[in-house]
C-alpha cells in the first residue's frame, strides 16, 4: 500500500517545469488556449525582457540561441511555433523569480490584447 506522503511525492515528481509555480502554470494555461497570433505577440513582446536577466545577461547570443533551440523533439504545444518554443525554453532556464515576473507580465499583456 502506498502511503499518502509517497503518493504526493510521486505526483510532484511528474509536474511539468511550469506547473511548479501557480503563476507560471496559469500563464502557460492561458497561452496554450489562445490563438497562435497572440502566442507569438506575447512571446515576442517578452523575449528581450527575458534575455536581459540572468542567466542570459552574461551569455553570448549564440549561447542563448543554442540553449533555446537545443531540443528538437516536438511533443509540447509550444514546440510547434518557433517563437513560442524559444520563449518557453528561455523561460524554463530562467530563475524561479524571473519565471514568475515574466509570467505576470505575459498574463497582463494577453489580457490587454
PDB file of N, CA and C in Angstrom:
ATOM      1  N   UNK A   1       0.842  -1.186   0.000  1.00  0.00           N
ATOM      2  CA  UNK A   1       0.000   0.000   0.000  1.00  0.00           C
ATOM      3  C   UNK A   1       0.885   1.246   0.000  1.00  0.00           C
ATOM      4  N   UNK A   2       0.549   2.218  -0.814  1.00  0.00           N
ATOM      5  CA  UNK A   2       1.333   3.449  -0.921  1.00  0.00           C
ATOM      6  C   UNK A   2       0.807   4.462   0.092  1.00  0.00           C
ATOM      7  N   UNK A   3       1.720   5.002   0.894  1.00  0.00           N
ATOM      8  CA  UNK A   3       1.307   5.997   1.868  1.00  0.00           C
ATOM      9  C   UNK A   3       0.937   7.291   1.156  1.00  0.00           C
ATOM     10  N   UNK A   4       0.136   8.104   1.814  1.00  0.00           N
ATOM     11  CA  UNK A   4      -0.276   9.392   1.232  1.00  0.00           C
ATOM     12  C   UNK A   4       0.933  10.280   0.953  1.00  0.00           C
ATOM     13  N   UNK A   5       1.945  10.210   1.826  1.00  0.00           N
ATOM     14  CA  UNK A   5       3.153  11.024   1.641  1.00  0.00           C
ATOM     15  C   UNK A   5       3.894  10.605   0.370  1.00  0.00           C
ATOM     16  N   UNK A   6       4.068   9.293   0.167  1.00  0.00           N
ATOM     17  CA  UNK A   6       4.735   8.804  -1.037  1.00  0.00           C
ATOM     18  C   UNK A   6       3.928   9.113  -2.282  1.00  0.00           C
ATOM     19  N   UNK A   7       2.619   8.999  -2.170  1.00  0.00           N
ATOM     20  CA  UNK A   7       1.738   9.291  -3.299  1.00  0.00           C
ATOM     21  C   UNK A   7       1.881  10.759  -3.716  1.00  0.00           C
ATOM     22  N   UNK A   8       1.885  11.672  -2.737  1.00  0.00           N
ATOM     23  CA  UNK A   8       2.058  13.098  -3.026  1.00  0.00           C
ATOM     24  C   UNK A   8       3.418  13.357  -3.636  1.00  0.00           C
ATOM     25  N   UNK A   9       4.448  12.679  -3.141  1.00  0.00           N
ATOM     26  CA  UNK A   9       5.794  12.838  -3.690  1.00  0.00           C
ATOM     27  C   UNK A   9       5.878  12.375  -5.127  1.00  0.00           C
ATOM     28  N   UNK A  10       5.184  11.271  -5.434  1.00  0.00           N
ATOM     29  CA  UNK A  10       5.164  10.765  -6.805  1.00  0.00           C
ATOM     30  C   UNK A  10       4.462  11.742  -7.734  1.00  0.00           C
ATOM     31  N   UNK A  11       3.341  12.317  -7.297  1.00  0.00           N
ATOM     32  CA  UNK A  11       2.608  13.276  -8.116  1.00  0.00           C
ATOM     33  C   UNK A  11       3.465  14.496  -8.412  1.00  0.00           C
ATOM     34  N   UNK A  12       4.197  14.985  -7.421  1.00  0.00           N
ATOM     35  CA  UNK A  12       5.047  16.157  -7.606  1.00  0.00           C
ATOM     36  C   UNK A  12       6.205  15.878  -8.550  1.00  0.00           C
ATOM     37  N   UNK A  13       6.687  14.633  -8.590  1.00  0.00           N
ATOM     38  CA  UNK A  13       7.822  14.326  -9.454  1.00  0.00           C
ATOM     39  C   UNK A  13       7.425  14.336 -10.929  1.00  0.00           C
ATOM     40  N   UNK A  14       6.139  14.282 -11.231  1.00  0.00           N
ATOM     41  CA  UNK A  14       5.677  14.288 -12.608  1.00  0.00           C
ATOM     42  C   UNK A  14       5.152  15.649 -13.046  1.00  0.00           C
ATOM     43  N   UNK A  15       5.351  16.657 -12.238  1.00  0.00           N
ATOM     44  CA  UNK A  15       4.931  18.007 -12.614  1.00  0.00           C
ATOM     45  C   UNK A  15       5.789  18.520 -13.753  1.00  0.00           C
ATOM     46  N   UNK A  16       5.157  19.173 -14.693  1.00  0.00           N
ATOM     47  CA  UNK A  16       5.925  19.853 -15.733  1.00  0.00           C
ATOM     48  C   UNK A  16       6.624  21.036 -15.080  1.00  0.00           C
ATOM     49  N   UNK A  17       7.723  21.488 -15.674  1.00  0.00           N
ATOM     50  CA  UNK A  17       8.520  22.547 -15.058  1.00  0.00           C
ATOM     51  C   UNK A  17       7.677  23.787 -14.800  1.00  0.00           C
ATOM     52  N   UNK A  18       6.718  24.092 -15.638  1.00  0.00           N
ATOM     53  CA  UNK A  18       5.931  25.310 -15.450  1.00  0.00           C
ATOM     54  C   UNK A  18       4.761  25.120 -14.497  1.00  0.00           C
ATOM     55  N   UNK A  19       4.512  23.898 -14.050  1.00  0.00           N
ATOM     56  CA  UNK A  19       3.436  23.661 -13.090  1.00  0.00           C
ATOM     57  C   UNK A  19       3.909  23.793 -11.643  1.00  0.00           C
ATOM     58  N   UNK A  20       5.190  24.004 -11.449  1.00  0.00           N
ATOM     59  CA  UNK A  20       5.723  24.093 -10.097  1.00  0.00           C
ATOM     60  C   UNK A  20       5.380  25.422  -9.427  1.00  0.00           C
ATOM     61  N   UNK A  21       5.061  26.428 -10.216  1.00  0.00           N
ATOM     62  CA  UNK A  21       4.644  27.727  -9.684  1.00  0.00           C
ATOM     63  C   UNK A  21       3.260  28.018 -10.256  1.00  0.00           C
ATOM     64  N   UNK A  22       2.276  28.329  -9.402  1.00  0.00           N
ATOM     65  CA  UNK A  22       0.912  28.533  -9.899  1.00  0.00           C
ATOM     66  C   UNK A  22       0.777  29.701 -10.893  1.00  0.00           C
ATOM     67  N   UNK A  23       1.587  30.723 -10.742  1.00  0.00           N
ATOM     68  CA  UNK A  23       1.524  31.867 -11.659  1.00  0.00           C
ATOM     69  C   UNK A  23       2.055  31.458 -13.036  1.00  0.00           C
ATOM     70  N   UNK A  24       3.175  30.762 -13.062  1.00  0.00           N
ATOM     71  CA  UNK A  24       3.761  30.307 -14.323  1.00  0.00           C
ATOM     72  C   UNK A  24       2.817  29.297 -14.978  1.00  0.00           C
ATOM     73  N   UNK A  25       2.230  28.419 -14.193  1.00  0.00           N
ATOM     74  CA  UNK A  25       1.285  27.443 -14.709  1.00  0.00           C
ATOM     75  C   UNK A  25       0.075  28.132 -15.343  1.00  0.00           C
ATOM     76  N   UNK A  26      -0.440  29.146 -14.686  1.00  0.00           N
ATOM     77  CA  UNK A  26      -1.583  29.902 -15.224  1.00  0.00           C
ATOM     78  C   UNK A  26      -1.199  30.582 -16.532  1.00  0.00           C
ATOM     79  N   UNK A  27      -0.016  31.148 -16.592  1.00  0.00           N
ATOM     80  CA  UNK A  27       0.474  31.788 -17.811  1.00  0.00           C
ATOM     81  C   UNK A  27       0.487  30.790 -18.963  1.00  0.00           C
ATOM     82  N   UNK A  28       1.020  29.597 -18.730  1.00  0.00           N
ATOM     83  CA  UNK A  28       1.102  28.599 -19.799  1.00  0.00           C
ATOM     84  C   UNK A  28      -0.271  28.056 -20.168  1.00  0.00           C
ATOM     85  N   UNK A  29      -1.159  27.965 -19.201  1.00  0.00           N
ATOM     86  CA  UNK A  29      -2.527  27.538 -19.493  1.00  0.00           C
ATOM     87  C   UNK A  29      -3.215  28.556 -20.406  1.00  0.00           C
ATOM     88  N   UNK A  30      -3.051  29.823 -20.090  1.00  0.00           N
ATOM     89  CA  UNK A  30      -3.645  30.881 -20.916  1.00  0.00           C
ATOM     90  C   UNK A  30      -3.025  30.867 -22.308  1.00  0.00           C
ATOM     91  N   UNK A  31      -1.699  30.805 -22.364  1.00  0.00           N
ATOM     92  CA  UNK A  31      -1.029  30.824 -23.666  1.00  0.00           C
ATOM     93  C   UNK A  31      -1.406  29.622 -24.524  1.00  0.00           C
ATOM     94  N   UNK A  32      -1.551  28.475 -23.917  1.00  0.00           N
ATOM     95  CA  UNK A  32      -1.904  27.278 -24.676  1.00  0.00           C
ATOM     96  C   UNK A  32      -3.272  27.424 -25.340  1.00  0.00           C
ATOM     97  N   UNK A  33      -4.144  28.182 -24.713  1.00  0.00           N
ATOM     98  CA  UNK A  33      -5.522  28.271 -25.185  1.00  0.00           C
ATOM     99  C   UNK A  33      -5.849  29.523 -25.988  1.00  0.00           C
ATOM    100  N   UNK A  34      -4.856  30.339 -26.306  1.00  0.00           N
ATOM    101  CA  UNK A  34      -5.114  31.487 -27.162  1.00  0.00           C
ATOM    102  C   UNK A  34      -4.642  31.179 -28.577  1.00  0.00           C
ATOM    103  N   UNK A  35      -5.052  31.995 -29.522  1.00  0.00           N
ATOM    104  CA  UNK A  35      -4.672  31.719 -30.907  1.00  0.00           C
ATOM    105  C   UNK A  35      -3.180  31.964 -31.120  1.00  0.00           C
ATOM    106  N   UNK A  36      -2.659  31.369 -32.181  1.00  0.00           N
ATOM    107  CA  UNK A  36      -1.220  31.405 -32.454  1.00  0.00           C
ATOM    108  C   UNK A  36      -0.687  32.825 -32.612  1.00  0.00           C
ATOM    109  N   UNK A  37      -1.462  33.692 -33.191  1.00  0.00           N
ATOM    110  CA  UNK A  37      -1.013  35.077 -33.376  1.00  0.00           C
ATOM    111  C   UNK A  37      -0.754  35.740 -32.018  1.00  0.00           C
ATOM    112  N   UNK A  38      -1.648  35.541 -31.069  1.00  0.00           N
ATOM    113  CA  UNK A  38      -1.476  36.128 -29.733  1.00  0.00           C
ATOM    114  C   UNK A  38      -0.316  35.470 -28.987  1.00  0.00           C
ATOM    115  N   UNK A  39      -0.123  34.167 -29.201  1.00  0.00           N
ATOM    116  CA  UNK A  39       1.030  33.482 -28.586  1.00  0.00           C
ATOM    117  C   UNK A  39       2.325  34.134 -29.065  1.00  0.00           C
ATOM    118  N   UNK A  40       2.416  34.328 -30.375  1.00  0.00           N
ATOM    119  CA  UNK A  40       3.628  34.933 -30.946  1.00  0.00           C
ATOM    120  C   UNK A  40       3.817  36.363 -30.461  1.00  0.00           C
ATOM    121  N   UNK A  41       2.728  37.128 -30.400  1.00  0.00           N
ATOM    122  CA  UNK A  41       2.825  38.513 -29.929  1.00  0.00           C
ATOM    123  C   UNK A  41       3.340  38.555 -28.493  1.00  0.00           C
ATOM    124  N   UNK A  42       2.815  37.686 -27.662  1.00  0.00           N
ATOM    125  CA  UNK A  42       3.230  37.642 -26.253  1.00  0.00           C
ATOM    126  C   UNK A  42       4.698  37.246 -26.148  1.00  0.00           C
ATOM    127  N   UNK A  43       5.067  36.190 -26.839  1.00  0.00           N
ATOM    128  CA  UNK A  43       6.453  35.708 -26.794  1.00  0.00           C
ATOM    129  C   UNK A  43       7.416  36.764 -27.314  1.00  0.00           C
ATOM    130  N   UNK A  44       7.070  37.395 -28.408  1.00  0.00           N
ATOM    131  CA  UNK A  44       7.929  38.424 -28.994  1.00  0.00           C
ATOM    132  C   UNK A  44       8.065  39.617 -28.063  1.00  0.00           C
ATOM    133  N   UNK A  45       6.948  40.036 -27.476  1.00  0.00           N
ATOM    134  CA  UNK A  45       6.941  41.177 -26.570  1.00  0.00           C
ATOM    135  C   UNK A  45       7.879  40.974 -25.385  1.00  0.00           C
ATOM    136  N   UNK A  46       7.953  39.745 -24.871  1.00  0.00           N
ATOM    137  CA  UNK A  46       8.712  39.493 -23.645  1.00  0.00           C
ATOM    138  C   UNK A  46      10.105  38.913 -23.862  1.00  0.00           C
ATOM    139  N   UNK A  47      10.436  38.589 -25.102  1.00  0.00           N
ATOM    140  CA  UNK A  47      11.727  37.952 -25.380  1.00  0.00           C
ATOM    141  C   UNK A  47      12.914  38.814 -24.915  1.00  0.00           C
ATOM    142  N   UNK A  48      12.933  40.078 -25.265  1.00  0.00           N
ATOM    143  CA  UNK A  48      14.036  40.958 -24.863  1.00  0.00           C
ATOM    144  C   UNK A  48      14.135  41.075 -23.345  1.00  0.00           C
ATOM    145  N   UNK A  49      12.983  41.110 -22.712  1.00  0.00           N
ATOM    146  CA  UNK A  49      12.977  41.212 -21.253  1.00  0.00           C
ATOM    147  C   UNK A  49      13.604  39.972 -20.614  1.00  0.00           C
ATOM    148  N   UNK A  50      13.292  38.813 -21.148  1.00  0.00           N
ATOM    149  CA  UNK A  50      13.854  37.579 -20.602  1.00  0.00           C
ATOM    150  C   UNK A  50      15.373  37.572 -20.752  1.00  0.00           C
ATOM    151  N   UNK A  51      15.862  37.899 -21.926  1.00  0.00           N
ATOM    152  CA  UNK A  51      17.316  37.789 -22.133  1.00  0.00           C
ATOM    153  C   UNK A  51      18.108  38.918 -21.481  1.00  0.00           C
ATOM    154  N   UNK A  52      17.419  39.898 -20.920  1.00  0.00           N
ATOM    155  CA  UNK A  52      18.135  40.953 -20.199  1.00  0.00           C
ATOM    156  C   UNK A  52      18.401  40.562 -18.744  1.00  0.00           C
ATOM    157  N   UNK A  53      17.916  39.398 -18.346  1.00  0.00           N
ATOM    158  CA  UNK A  53      18.054  38.942 -16.961  1.00  0.00           C
ATOM    159  C   UNK A  53      18.972  37.711 -16.902  1.00  0.00           C
ATOM    160  N   UNK A  54      19.536  37.451 -15.704  1.00  0.00           N
ATOM    161  CA  UNK A  54      20.358  36.255 -15.544  1.00  0.00           C
ATOM    162  C   UNK A  54      19.533  35.002 -15.822  1.00  0.00           C
ATOM    163  N   UNK A  55      20.078  33.972 -16.349  1.00  0.00           N
ATOM    164  CA  UNK A  55      21.485  33.778 -16.679  1.00  0.00           C
ATOM    165  C   UNK A  55      21.876  34.356 -18.035  1.00  0.00           C
ATOM    166  N   UNK A  56      20.913  34.844 -18.794  1.00  0.00           N
ATOM    167  CA  UNK A  56      21.162  35.271 -20.176  1.00  0.00           C
ATOM    168  C   UNK A  56      21.971  36.547 -20.294  1.00  0.00           C
ATOM    169  N   UNK A  57      21.864  37.427 -19.313  1.00  0.00           N
ATOM    170  CA  UNK A  57      22.564  38.711 -19.400  1.00  0.00           C
ATOM    171  C   UNK A  57      24.077  38.545 -19.477  1.00  0.00           C
ATOM    172  N   UNK A  58      24.583  37.397 -19.046  1.00  0.00           N
ATOM    173  CA  UNK A  58      26.024  37.130 -19.086  1.00  0.00           C
ATOM    174  C   UNK A  58      26.425  36.172 -20.209  1.00  0.00           C
ATOM    175  N   UNK A  59      25.486  35.860 -21.099  1.00  0.00           N
ATOM    176  CA  UNK A  59      25.766  34.891 -22.161  1.00  0.00           C
ATOM    177  C   UNK A  59      25.902  35.585 -23.509  1.00  0.00           C
ATOM    178  N   UNK A  60      26.611  34.926 -24.406  1.00  0.00           N
ATOM    179  CA  UNK A  60      26.715  35.395 -25.779  1.00  0.00           C
ATOM    180  C   UNK A  60      25.430  35.037 -26.524  1.00  0.00           C
ATOM    181  N   UNK A  61      25.045  35.803 -27.539  1.00  0.00           N
ATOM    182  CA  UNK A  61      23.824  35.493 -28.294  1.00  0.00           C
ATOM    183  C   UNK A  61      23.787  34.060 -28.818  1.00  0.00           C
ATOM    184  N   UNK A  62      24.924  33.555 -29.266  1.00  0.00           N
ATOM    185  CA  UNK A  62      24.974  32.187 -29.785  1.00  0.00           C
ATOM    186  C   UNK A  62      24.645  31.166 -28.695  1.00  0.00           C
ATOM    187  N   UNK A  63      25.117  31.428 -27.482  1.00  0.00           N
ATOM    188  CA  UNK A  63      24.848  30.521 -26.369  1.00  0.00           C
ATOM    189  C   UNK A  63      23.357  30.521 -26.015  1.00  0.00           C
ATOM    190  N   UNK A  64      22.766  31.692 -26.027  1.00  0.00           N
ATOM    191  CA  UNK A  64      21.336  31.812 -25.735  1.00  0.00           C
ATOM    192  C   UNK A  64      20.521  31.064 -26.784  1.00  0.00           C
ATOM    193  N   UNK A  65      20.879  31.267 -28.046  1.00  0.00           N
ATOM    194  CA  UNK A  65      20.159  30.606 -29.128  1.00  0.00           C
ATOM    195  C   UNK A  65      20.280  29.091 -29.019  1.00  0.00           C
ATOM    196  N   UNK A  66      21.463  28.597 -28.733  1.00  0.00           N
ATOM    197  CA  UNK A  66      21.678  27.150 -28.597  1.00  0.00           C
ATOM    198  C   UNK A  66      20.864  26.581 -27.446  1.00  0.00           C
ATOM    199  N   UNK A  67      20.831  27.288 -26.336  1.00  0.00           N
ATOM    200  CA  UNK A  67      20.069  26.841 -25.182  1.00  0.00           C
ATOM    201  C   UNK A  67      18.577  26.779 -25.506  1.00  0.00           C
ATOM    202  N   UNK A  68      18.091  27.780 -26.216  1.00  0.00           N
ATOM    203  CA  UNK A  68      16.665  27.878 -26.518  1.00  0.00           C
ATOM    204  C   UNK A  68      16.218  26.937 -27.625  1.00  0.00           C
ATOM    205  N   UNK A  69      17.122  26.526 -28.469  1.00  0.00           N
ATOM    206  CA  UNK A  69      16.726  25.700 -29.616  1.00  0.00           C
ATOM    207  C   UNK A  69      17.360  24.313 -29.600  1.00  0.00           C
ATOM    208  N   UNK A  70      18.048  23.973 -28.537  1.00  0.00           N
ATOM    209  CA  UNK A  70      18.778  22.715 -28.478  1.00  0.00           C
ATOM    210  C   UNK A  70      17.923  21.471 -28.591  1.00  0.00           C
ATOM    211  N   UNK A  71      16.752  21.488 -28.006  1.00  0.00           N
ATOM    212  CA  UNK A  71      15.899  20.300 -28.056  1.00  0.00           C
ATOM    213  C   UNK A  71      15.055  20.327 -29.321  1.00  0.00           C
ATOM    214  N   UNK A  72      15.074  19.256 -30.076  1.00  0.00           N
ATOM    215  CA  UNK A  72      14.371  19.211 -31.357  1.00  0.00           C
ATOM    216  C   UNK A  72      13.058  18.430 -31.316  1.00  0.00           C
ATOM    217  N   UNK A  73      12.771  17.756 -30.215  1.00  0.00           N
ATOM    218  CA  UNK A  73      11.533  16.970 -30.137  1.00  0.00           C
ATOM    219  C   UNK A  73      10.332  17.903 -30.089  1.00  0.00           C
ATOM    220  N   UNK A  74       9.266  17.491 -30.742  1.00  0.00           N
ATOM    221  CA  UNK A  74       8.042  18.292 -30.750  1.00  0.00           C
ATOM    222  C   UNK A  74       6.942  17.495 -30.070  1.00  0.00           C
ATOM    223  N   UNK A  75       6.849  17.669 -28.763  1.00  0.00           N
ATOM    224  CA  UNK A  75       5.842  16.939 -28.003  1.00  0.00           C
ATOM    225  C   UNK A  75       4.957  17.853 -27.160  1.00  0.00           C
ATOM    226  N   UNK A  76       5.322  19.113 -27.060  1.00  0.00           N
ATOM    227  CA  UNK A  76       4.546  20.053 -26.249  1.00  0.00           C
ATOM    228  C   UNK A  76       3.886  21.073 -27.162  1.00  0.00           C
ATOM    229  N   UNK A  77       2.822  21.699 -26.693  1.00  0.00           N
ATOM    230  CA  UNK A  77       2.078  22.633 -27.536  1.00  0.00           C
ATOM    231  C   UNK A  77       2.958  23.756 -28.042  1.00  0.00           C
ATOM    232  N   UNK A  78       3.913  24.207 -27.251  1.00  0.00           N
ATOM    233  CA  UNK A  78       4.730  25.351 -27.661  1.00  0.00           C
ATOM    234  C   UNK A  78       5.866  24.971 -28.605  1.00  0.00           C
ATOM    235  N   UNK A  79       6.071  23.691 -28.833  1.00  0.00           N
ATOM    236  CA  UNK A  79       7.131  23.256 -29.750  1.00  0.00           C
ATOM    237  C   UNK A  79       6.782  23.489 -31.215  1.00  0.00           C
ATOM    238  N   UNK A  80       5.531  23.700 -31.510  1.00  0.00           N
ATOM    239  CA  UNK A  80       5.090  23.782 -32.902  1.00  0.00           C
ATOM    240  C   UNK A  80       5.158  25.185 -33.487  1.00  0.00           C
ATOM    241  N   UNK A  81       5.493  26.155 -32.689  1.00  0.00           N
ATOM    242  CA  UNK A  81       5.712  27.520 -33.166  1.00  0.00           C
ATOM    243  C   UNK A  81       7.091  27.946 -32.667  1.00  0.00           C
ATOM    244  N   UNK A  82       7.958  28.299 -33.577  1.00  0.00           N
ATOM    245  CA  UNK A  82       9.361  28.598 -33.236  1.00  0.00           C
ATOM    246  C   UNK A  82       9.483  29.709 -32.188  1.00  0.00           C
ATOM    247  N   UNK A  83       8.719  30.772 -32.330  1.00  0.00           N
ATOM    248  CA  UNK A  83       8.802  31.895 -31.389  1.00  0.00           C
ATOM    249  C   UNK A  83       8.324  31.459 -30.009  1.00  0.00           C
ATOM    250  N   UNK A  84       7.205  30.750 -29.955  1.00  0.00           N
ATOM    251  CA  UNK A  84       6.692  30.271 -28.669  1.00  0.00           C
ATOM    252  C   UNK A  84       7.666  29.290 -28.022  1.00  0.00           C
ATOM    253  N   UNK A  85       8.286  28.453 -28.839  1.00  0.00           N
ATOM    254  CA  UNK A  85       9.243  27.465 -28.309  1.00  0.00           C
ATOM    255  C   UNK A  85      10.463  28.153 -27.696  1.00  0.00           C
ATOM    256  N   UNK A  86      10.993  29.143 -28.391  1.00  0.00           N
ATOM    257  CA  UNK A  86      12.156  29.868 -27.863  1.00  0.00           C
ATOM    258  C   UNK A  86      11.779  30.574 -26.568  1.00  0.00           C
ATOM    259  N   UNK A  87      10.624  31.233 -26.563  1.00  0.00           N
ATOM    260  CA  UNK A  87      10.139  31.913 -25.363  1.00  0.00           C
ATOM    261  C   UNK A  87      10.041  30.919 -24.190  1.00  0.00           C
ATOM    262  N   UNK A  88       9.402  29.787 -24.426  1.00  0.00           N
ATOM    263  CA  UNK A  88       9.210  28.795 -23.363  1.00  0.00           C
ATOM    264  C   UNK A  88      10.540  28.246 -22.859  1.00  0.00           C
ATOM    265  N   UNK A  89      11.445  27.959 -23.773  1.00  0.00           N
ATOM    266  CA  UNK A  89      12.744  27.418 -23.366  1.00  0.00           C
ATOM    267  C   UNK A  89      13.567  28.448 -22.597  1.00  0.00           C
ATOM    268  N   UNK A  90      13.519  29.689 -23.021  1.00  0.00           N
ATOM    269  CA  UNK A  90      14.217  30.740 -22.273  1.00  0.00           C
ATOM    270  C   UNK A  90      13.620  30.872 -20.878  1.00  0.00           C
ATOM    271  N   UNK A  91      12.323  30.833 -20.805  1.00  0.00           N
ATOM    272  CA  UNK A  91      11.665  30.937 -19.511  1.00  0.00           C
ATOM    273  C   UNK A  91      12.007  29.731 -18.638  1.00  0.00           C
ATOM    274  N   UNK A  92      12.029  28.563 -19.238  1.00  0.00           N
ATOM    275  CA  UNK A  92      12.330  27.326 -18.488  1.00  0.00           C
ATOM    276  C   UNK A  92      13.709  27.389 -17.838  1.00  0.00           C
ATOM    277  N   UNK A  93      14.680  27.969 -18.509  1.00  0.00           N
ATOM    278  CA  UNK A  93      16.046  28.024 -17.989  1.00  0.00           C
ATOM    279  C   UNK A  93      16.295  29.257 -17.124  1.00  0.00           C
ATOM    280  N   UNK A  94      15.278  30.076 -16.916  1.00  0.00           N
ATOM    281  CA  UNK A  94      15.402  31.264 -16.058  1.00  0.00           C
ATOM    282  C   UNK A  94      15.269  30.870 -14.594  1.00  0.00           C
ATOM    283  N   UNK A  95      15.579  31.813 -13.731  1.00  0.00           N
ATOM    284  CA  UNK A  95      15.400  31.575 -12.301  1.00  0.00           C
ATOM    285  C   UNK A  95      13.909  31.550 -11.977  1.00  0.00           C
ATOM    286  N   UNK A  96      13.565  30.988 -10.838  1.00  0.00           N
ATOM    287  CA  UNK A  96      12.159  30.947 -10.410  1.00  0.00           C
ATOM    288  C   UNK A  96      11.568  32.355 -10.333  1.00  0.00           C
ATOM    289  N   UNK A  97      12.359  33.261  -9.832  1.00  0.00           N
ATOM    290  CA  UNK A  97      11.910  34.653  -9.680  1.00  0.00           C
ATOM    291  C   UNK A  97      11.602  35.288 -11.044  1.00  0.00           C
ATOM    292  N   UNK A  98      12.492  35.102 -11.997  1.00  0.00           N
ATOM    293  CA  UNK A  98      12.304  35.655 -13.340  1.00  0.00           C
ATOM    294  C   UNK A  98      11.105  34.995 -14.011  1.00  0.00           C
ATOM    295  N   UNK A  99      10.958  33.682 -13.863  1.00  0.00           N
ATOM    296  CA  UNK A  99       9.811  32.971 -14.436  1.00  0.00           C
ATOM    297  C   UNK A  99       8.494  33.582 -13.979  1.00  0.00           C
ATOM    298  N   UNK A 100       8.413  33.825 -12.678  1.00  0.00           N
ATOM    299  CA  UNK A 100       7.182  34.383 -12.116  1.00  0.00           C
ATOM    300  C   UNK A 100       6.958  35.806 -12.622  1.00  0.00           C
ATOM    301  N   UNK A 101       7.993  36.617 -12.615  1.00  0.00           N
ATOM    302  CA  UNK A 101       7.892  38.007 -13.073  1.00  0.00           C
ATOM    303  C   UNK A 101       7.439  38.076 -14.537  1.00  0.00           C
ATOM    304  N   UNK A 102       8.068  37.294 -15.388  1.00  0.00           N
ATOM    305  CA  UNK A 102       7.732  37.296 -16.814  1.00  0.00           C
ATOM    306  C   UNK A 102       6.331  36.738 -17.027  1.00  0.00           C
ATOM    307  N   UNK A 103       5.953  35.736 -16.271  1.00  0.00           N
ATOM    308  CA  UNK A 103       4.614  35.155 -16.401  1.00  0.00           C
ATOM    309  C   UNK A 103       3.528  36.164 -16.053  1.00  0.00           C
ATOM    310  N   UNK A 104       3.762  36.952 -15.013  1.00  0.00           N
ATOM    311  CA  UNK A 104       2.803  38.002 -14.651  1.00  0.00           C
ATOM    312  C   UNK A 104       2.688  39.004 -15.789  1.00  0.00           C
ATOM    313  N   UNK A 105       3.819  39.388 -16.362  1.00  0.00           N
ATOM    314  CA  UNK A 105       3.800  40.331 -17.491  1.00  0.00           C
ATOM    315  C   UNK A 105       3.100  39.726 -18.704  1.00  0.00           C
ATOM    316  N   UNK A 106       3.300  38.434 -18.930  1.00  0.00           N
ATOM    317  CA  UNK A 106       2.648  37.765 -20.060  1.00  0.00           C
ATOM    318  C   UNK A 106       1.135  37.745 -19.870  1.00  0.00           C
ATOM    319  N   UNK A 107       0.692  37.397 -18.682  1.00  0.00           N
ATOM    320  CA  UNK A 107      -0.749  37.360 -18.405  1.00  0.00           C
ATOM    321  C   UNK A 107      -1.360  38.744 -18.610  1.00  0.00           C
ATOM    322  N   UNK A 108      -0.695  39.770 -18.095  1.00  0.00           N
ATOM    323  CA  UNK A 108      -1.189  41.140 -18.252  1.00  0.00           C
ATOM    324  C   UNK A 108      -1.211  41.537 -19.726  1.00  0.00           C
ATOM    325  N   UNK A 109      -0.161  41.189 -20.461  1.00  0.00           N
ATOM    326  CA  UNK A 109      -0.088  41.508 -21.884  1.00  0.00           C
ATOM    327  C   UNK A 109      -1.226  40.832 -22.646  1.00  0.00           C
ATOM    328  N   UNK A 110      -1.480  39.565 -22.359  1.00  0.00           N
ATOM    329  CA  UNK A 110      -2.544  38.834 -23.042  1.00  0.00           C
ATOM    330  C   UNK A 110      -3.906  39.438 -22.711  1.00  0.00           C
ATOM    331  N   UNK A 111      -4.129  39.792 -21.472  1.00  0.00           N
ATOM    332  CA  UNK A 111      -5.398  40.392 -21.086  1.00  0.00           C
ATOM    333  C   UNK A 111      -5.617  41.743 -21.774  1.00  0.00           C
ATOM    334  N   UNK A 112      -4.513  42.449 -22.071  1.00  0.00           N
ATOM    335  CA  UNK A 112      -4.617  43.748 -22.728  1.00  0.00           C
ATOM    336  C   UNK A 112      -4.797  43.652 -24.236  1.00  0.00           C
ATOM    337  N   UNK A 113      -4.558  42.463 -24.816  1.00  0.00           N
ATOM    338  CA  UNK A 113      -4.693  42.297 -26.264  1.00  0.00           C
ATOM    339  C   UNK A 113      -6.135  42.436 -26.722  1.00  0.00           C
TER     340      UNK A 113
END
